[in-house]
Amino acid sequence: MAQTTVPLQADVFLPLAQGAGIFGQLWDFTKRKPLGAAGAVVLLTLVLAAIFADVIAPYDPIAQNVPHRLREPGTEYLLGTDTYGRDVFSRIVFGARVSLYIGLVSVLIGTVVGVLVGASSGYTGGVYDLLVQRIVDGMMGFPPLILALILVVAMGPSINSVAFALAVTYIPRVVRLARASALSTCQEMFVDAARAIGGGHLRIMLRHVVPNSLAPVFVLATGYLGTAIVAEASLSFLGLGVPPPSPSWGGMMQFGARGYLEAAPWLTFFPGLALSGVVFAFGLLGDALRDVLDPRLRGR
């Protein structure tokens, strides 16, 4: 009796092929940009530490234990304790949540608003473009940190206030970059073809102009993540960031530098080391993404 064979469907192996393609691209990126891959590993560690802070931290980050105040780093307290007996390592781990939240929220808001305003300005032109660019000029006239200080003072120090204030400082530069990319994209033939077949302005902008303007903005946003973490630390160092007792790397550095820099240098050193490592990792990843996404640099 002849056996019948059922042909294998290609769709069965499609998810495996796609997964292999993703891992292959990641491996190729690692070989081409090892420093960028190292930065990505550091940032992945930061994300995991923020997510699983309750599991990683051995102590409550805000619980005071005055008899154990100013303990030096050792086996019981890995990175020592502060003047209230709080474990420095636990506060650094929980502080990663604050830094990551403020960085992601501020950059996400600034990027989304900046891309939409910048792309619409470059695509529309005319009076609207002129008005938007004059507003952007006025906002860029303020130093970013000074503008963030004004906004935080007006809204009151809190996590959300800091995130919103930093987002406002990033919008003008994203608008400028998105507008420049939109002006270049509008000269392409596929935009003329979309107009010729009767595509509406909103559809053309959202389907063609905005997606083709995202590559340079994405690289800029990656660098702004590190900048946002530094800005949050600066505001907390000045006493206008995340209010205590919530752990914040900038607040911990400010607390350690206020009279304990010589007696307990670990109070400032370890939060500063975490901050420097994360910002350096964002810089490495941003440079690698720029080389990969920029067509002019792909051949190098």
Protein backbone atom coordinates (compact mmCIF):
# COMPACT_ATOMS: atom_id res chain seq x y z
CA MET A 1 0.00 0.00 0.00
CA ALA A 2 1.51 3.26 -1.03
CA GLN A 3 2.18 5.73 1.73
CA THR A 4 1.02 9.26 1.36
CA THR A 5 3.26 12.01 2.53
CA VAL A 6 2.02 15.32 3.80
CA PRO A 7 4.15 18.23 2.62
CA LEU A 8 5.65 20.26 5.42
CA GLN A 9 4.34 23.76 5.67
CA ALA A 10 6.97 26.49 5.65
CA ASP A 11 4.90 28.43 8.16
CA VAL A 12 5.71 25.82 10.81
CA PHE A 13 9.39 26.77 10.76
CA LEU A 14 8.85 30.52 10.28
CA PRO A 15 9.01 31.41 14.02
CA LEU A 16 12.23 29.37 14.41
CA ALA A 17 13.77 31.03 11.40
CA GLN A 18 12.80 34.47 12.68
CA GLY A 19 14.24 33.68 16.12
CA ALA A 20 17.46 32.44 14.55
CA GLY A 21 17.61 35.62 12.47
CA ILE A 22 17.26 37.84 15.54
CA PHE A 23 19.97 35.97 17.45
CA GLY A 24 22.15 36.06 14.36
CA GLN A 25 21.78 39.82 14.11
CA LEU A 26 22.59 40.21 17.80
CA TRP A 27 25.69 38.04 17.40
CA ASP A 28 26.76 40.03 14.33
CA PHE A 29 26.27 43.27 16.27
CA THR A 30 28.38 41.86 19.13
CA LYS A 31 31.22 40.94 16.78
CA ARG A 32 31.13 44.25 14.95
CA LYS A 33 30.61 46.49 18.00
CA PRO A 34 31.94 44.73 21.13
CA LEU A 35 31.99 47.94 23.15
CA GLY A 36 28.38 48.65 22.22
CA ALA A 37 27.44 45.10 23.18
CA ALA A 38 29.23 45.55 26.52
CA GLY A 39 27.22 48.72 27.11
CA ALA A 40 24.02 46.84 26.29
CA VAL A 41 24.95 44.14 28.84
CA VAL A 42 25.48 46.79 31.53
CA LEU A 43 22.13 48.38 30.75
CA LEU A 44 20.41 44.99 30.75
CA THR A 45 21.90 44.40 34.19
CA LEU A 46 20.48 47.76 35.31
CA VAL A 47 17.02 46.83 34.02
CA LEU A 48 17.11 43.44 35.76
CA ALA A 49 18.30 45.06 38.99
CA ALA A 50 15.45 47.56 38.83
CA ILE A 51 12.86 44.86 38.14
CA PHE A 52 14.09 42.39 40.77
CA ALA A 53 15.24 44.93 43.36
CA ASP A 54 13.06 43.31 46.02
CA VAL A 55 14.90 40.03 45.50
CA ILE A 56 18.43 41.38 45.04
CA ALA A 57 18.53 43.92 47.90
CA PRO A 58 19.30 42.21 51.23
CA TYR A 59 17.79 44.99 53.36
CA ASP A 60 14.96 47.49 53.31
CA PRO A 61 16.39 50.61 51.59
CA ILE A 62 14.57 53.06 53.88
CA ALA A 63 14.56 51.14 57.18
CA GLN A 64 16.82 52.81 59.76
CA ASN A 65 19.20 50.83 61.96
CA VAL A 66 20.99 53.47 64.00
CA PRO A 67 23.22 51.05 66.02
CA HIS A 68 24.78 49.99 62.70
CA ARG A 69 25.36 53.51 61.38
CA LEU A 70 28.45 54.24 59.26
CA ARG A 71 29.56 50.62 59.04
CA GLU A 72 32.40 50.15 56.58
CA PRO A 73 31.95 47.85 53.56
CA GLY A 74 32.27 44.23 54.59
CA THR A 75 30.58 40.85 54.66
CA GLU A 76 27.51 41.99 56.59
CA TYR A 77 27.00 45.20 54.59
CA LEU A 78 28.55 44.80 51.18
CA LEU A 79 28.91 48.55 50.51
CA GLY A 80 28.61 49.80 54.08
CA THR A 81 25.84 51.81 55.73
CA ASP A 82 24.95 55.49 55.98
CA THR A 83 24.41 57.69 59.02
CA TYR A 84 20.99 56.14 59.64
CA GLY A 85 22.25 52.59 59.37
CA ARG A 86 20.64 52.01 55.96
CA ASP A 87 22.39 49.55 53.65
CA VAL A 88 24.10 51.43 50.80
CA PHE A 89 23.95 48.47 48.40
CA SER A 90 20.20 48.09 48.87
CA ARG A 91 19.67 51.80 48.31
CA ILE A 92 21.75 51.72 45.11
CA VAL A 93 19.73 48.77 43.79
CA PHE A 94 16.42 50.48 44.53
CA GLY A 95 17.83 53.75 43.21
CA ALA A 96 18.20 52.05 39.84
CA ARG A 97 14.39 51.96 39.67
CA VAL A 98 14.19 55.71 40.15
CA SER A 99 16.93 56.46 37.61
CA LEU A 100 15.52 54.07 35.03
CA TYR A 101 11.95 55.33 35.47
CA ILE A 102 12.92 58.99 35.13
CA GLY A 103 15.22 58.28 32.20
CA LEU A 104 12.70 56.22 30.23
CA VAL A 105 9.66 58.41 30.93
CA SER A 106 11.41 61.71 30.21
CA VAL A 107 13.07 60.48 27.02
CA LEU A 108 9.88 58.75 25.83
CA ILE A 109 7.76 61.87 26.30
CA GLY A 110 10.40 64.17 24.82
CA THR A 111 10.98 61.89 21.83
CA VAL A 112 7.33 61.25 20.98
CA VAL A 113 6.33 64.91 21.26
CA GLY A 114 9.48 66.10 19.52
CA VAL A 115 9.13 63.71 16.59
CA LEU A 116 5.47 64.54 16.00
CA VAL A 117 6.01 68.30 16.23
CA GLY A 118 9.25 68.26 14.24
CA ALA A 119 7.97 65.99 11.48
CA SER A 120 4.74 67.96 11.12
CA SER A 121 6.71 71.20 11.06
CA GLY A 122 9.05 69.99 8.33
CA TYR A 123 6.25 68.45 6.27
CA THR A 124 3.76 71.32 6.58
CA GLY A 125 6.09 74.31 6.33
CA GLY A 126 4.71 77.82 6.04
CA VAL A 127 3.49 79.81 9.02
CA TYR A 128 3.18 76.72 11.21
CA ASP A 129 6.82 75.80 10.64
CA LEU A 130 7.93 79.37 11.33
CA LEU A 131 5.95 79.54 14.57
CA VAL A 132 7.22 76.18 15.82
CA GLN A 133 10.83 77.05 15.12
CA ARG A 134 10.61 80.39 16.93
CA ILE A 135 9.17 78.63 19.99
CA VAL A 136 11.99 76.09 19.78
CA ASP A 137 14.54 78.92 19.55
CA GLY A 138 13.12 80.45 22.72
CA MET A 139 13.24 77.16 24.60
CA MET A 140 16.79 76.45 23.47
CA GLY A 141 17.82 79.85 24.79
CA PHE A 142 17.59 78.43 28.32
CA PRO A 143 20.32 76.08 29.53
CA PRO A 144 18.64 72.66 29.95
CA LEU A 145 19.43 72.27 33.62
CA ILE A 146 18.25 75.80 34.43
CA LEU A 147 14.98 75.18 32.59
CA ALA A 148 14.53 71.89 34.46
CA LEU A 149 15.21 73.67 37.77
CA ILE A 150 12.56 76.28 37.02
CA LEU A 151 9.97 73.65 36.14
CA VAL A 152 10.71 71.47 39.16
CA VAL A 153 10.50 74.46 41.51
CA ALA A 154 7.18 75.44 39.94
CA MET A 155 5.69 71.93 40.18
CA GLY A 156 7.35 70.79 43.40
CA PRO A 157 10.02 68.10 43.79
CA SER A 158 8.77 64.60 42.95
CA ILE A 159 9.63 61.75 40.61
CA ASN A 160 7.00 62.72 38.04
CA SER A 161 7.91 66.40 38.22
CA VAL A 162 11.55 65.63 37.48
CA ALA A 163 10.59 63.33 34.58
CA PHE A 164 8.28 65.95 33.04
CA ALA A 165 10.80 68.77 33.50
CA LEU A 166 13.56 66.78 31.79
CA ALA A 167 11.18 65.80 28.97
CA VAL A 168 10.49 69.48 28.26
CA THR A 169 14.23 70.18 27.98
CA TYR A 170 14.67 67.41 25.38
CA ILE A 171 11.75 68.38 23.13
CA PRO A 172 13.43 71.33 21.30
CA ARG A 173 16.48 69.34 20.18
CA VAL A 174 14.37 66.39 19.07
CA VAL A 175 12.11 68.78 17.14
CA ARG A 176 15.10 70.21 15.29
CA LEU A 177 16.47 66.79 14.38
CA ALA A 178 13.07 65.39 13.36
CA ARG A 179 12.35 68.48 11.25
CA ALA A 180 15.68 68.15 9.42
CA SER A 181 15.00 64.47 8.72
CA ALA A 182 11.45 65.26 7.58
CA LEU A 183 12.67 67.94 5.18
CA SER A 184 15.05 65.43 3.64
CA THR A 185 12.42 62.70 3.46
CA CYS A 186 9.88 64.98 1.79
CA GLN A 187 12.21 65.26 -1.21
CA GLU A 188 12.09 61.51 -1.85
CA MET A 189 10.13 60.07 -4.75
CA PHE A 190 7.98 57.76 -2.62
CA VAL A 191 6.47 60.82 -0.93
CA ASP A 192 5.62 62.29 -4.33
CA ALA A 193 4.15 58.94 -5.34
CA ALA A 194 2.00 58.87 -2.20
CA ARG A 195 0.68 62.33 -3.02
CA ALA A 196 0.05 61.32 -6.63
CA ILE A 197 -2.19 58.40 -5.69
CA GLY A 198 -4.28 60.64 -3.44
CA GLY A 199 -2.77 60.00 -0.01
CA GLY A 200 -3.87 62.43 2.67
CA HIS A 201 -1.39 64.67 4.44
CA LEU A 202 -1.86 62.96 7.81
CA ARG A 203 -1.44 59.51 6.27
CA ILE A 204 1.69 60.51 4.37
CA MET A 205 3.24 62.10 7.42
CA LEU A 206 2.51 59.19 9.79
CA ARG A 207 3.18 56.38 7.31
CA HIS A 208 6.14 57.74 5.35
CA VAL A 209 7.71 60.85 6.87
CA VAL A 210 7.78 59.93 10.57
CA PRO A 211 9.10 56.34 10.17
CA ASN A 212 11.92 57.53 7.91
CA SER A 213 12.90 60.18 10.45
CA LEU A 214 13.30 57.84 13.40
CA ALA A 215 16.83 56.46 12.90
CA PRO A 216 18.80 59.59 13.92
CA VAL A 217 16.22 60.41 16.59
CA PHE A 218 16.57 56.93 18.06
CA VAL A 219 20.34 57.37 18.37
CA LEU A 220 19.84 60.78 20.00
CA ALA A 221 17.28 59.32 22.43
CA THR A 222 19.72 56.60 23.48
CA GLY A 223 22.25 59.25 24.44
CA TYR A 224 19.57 61.25 26.22
CA LEU A 225 18.82 58.28 28.50
CA GLY A 226 22.22 58.68 30.10
CA THR A 227 21.85 62.45 30.14
CA ALA A 228 18.48 62.15 31.90
CA ILE A 229 19.97 59.98 34.64
CA VAL A 230 22.77 62.51 35.17
CA ALA A 231 20.28 65.39 35.20
CA GLU A 232 18.12 63.61 37.77
CA ALA A 233 21.20 63.03 39.91
CA SER A 234 22.12 66.71 39.57
CA LEU A 235 18.66 67.85 40.63
CA SER A 236 18.67 65.42 43.56
CA PHE A 237 22.15 66.63 44.52
CA LEU A 238 20.76 70.16 44.65
CA GLY A 239 17.83 69.00 46.78
CA LEU A 240 15.23 69.43 44.03
CA GLY A 241 14.97 65.87 42.78
CA VAL A 242 13.42 62.80 44.33
CA PRO A 243 12.45 63.70 47.92
CA PRO A 244 13.88 61.57 50.76
CA PRO A 245 13.73 58.91 52.05
CA SER A 246 13.28 57.45 48.55
CA PRO A 247 16.68 56.21 47.35
CA SER A 248 18.23 58.19 44.52
CA TRP A 249 21.81 58.07 43.33
CA GLY A 250 22.11 61.84 43.24
CA GLY A 251 20.50 62.19 46.66
CA MET A 252 22.85 59.58 48.09
CA MET A 253 25.86 61.44 46.70
CA GLN A 254 24.58 64.72 48.10
CA PHE A 255 23.98 63.12 51.49
CA GLY A 256 27.47 61.57 51.55
CA ALA A 257 29.22 64.75 50.44
CA ARG A 258 27.53 66.77 53.18
CA GLY A 259 30.05 66.29 55.98
CA TYR A 260 30.95 62.63 55.48
CA LEU A 261 33.24 62.74 52.45
CA GLU A 262 36.36 62.03 54.52
CA ALA A 263 34.87 59.97 57.36
CA ALA A 264 32.71 57.72 55.13
CA PRO A 265 33.79 58.09 51.48
CA TRP A 266 31.79 55.01 50.44
CA LEU A 267 28.59 57.02 50.81
CA THR A 268 29.57 59.09 47.76
CA PHE A 269 31.91 56.76 45.90
CA PHE A 270 29.62 53.80 45.23
CA PRO A 271 26.56 55.78 44.03
CA GLY A 272 28.89 57.85 41.85
CA LEU A 273 30.45 54.68 40.47
CA ALA A 274 27.02 53.27 39.57
CA LEU A 275 26.03 56.55 37.92
CA SER A 276 29.27 56.77 35.92
CA GLY A 277 29.05 53.15 34.77
CA VAL A 278 25.49 53.50 33.52
CA VAL A 279 26.15 56.78 31.68
CA PHE A 280 29.30 55.31 30.11
CA ALA A 281 27.31 52.26 28.98
CA PHE A 282 24.66 54.48 27.38
CA GLY A 283 27.41 56.35 25.56
CA LEU A 284 28.96 53.15 24.19
CA LEU A 285 25.60 51.80 23.05
CA GLY A 286 24.61 55.11 21.47
CA ASP A 287 27.85 55.31 19.47
CA ALA A 288 27.42 51.73 18.28
CA LEU A 289 23.82 52.31 17.23
CA ARG A 290 24.83 55.45 15.36
CA ASP A 291 27.44 53.50 13.38
CA VAL A 292 24.92 50.75 12.58
CA LEU A 293 21.91 52.92 11.72
CA ASP A 294 23.68 55.73 9.86
CA PRO A 295 24.02 54.68 6.18
CA ARG A 296 27.11 56.86 5.80
CA LEU A 297 28.96 54.89 8.52
CA ARG A 298 27.87 51.33 7.76
CA GLY A 299 30.81 50.60 5.49
CA ARG A 300 33.43 51.36 8.12
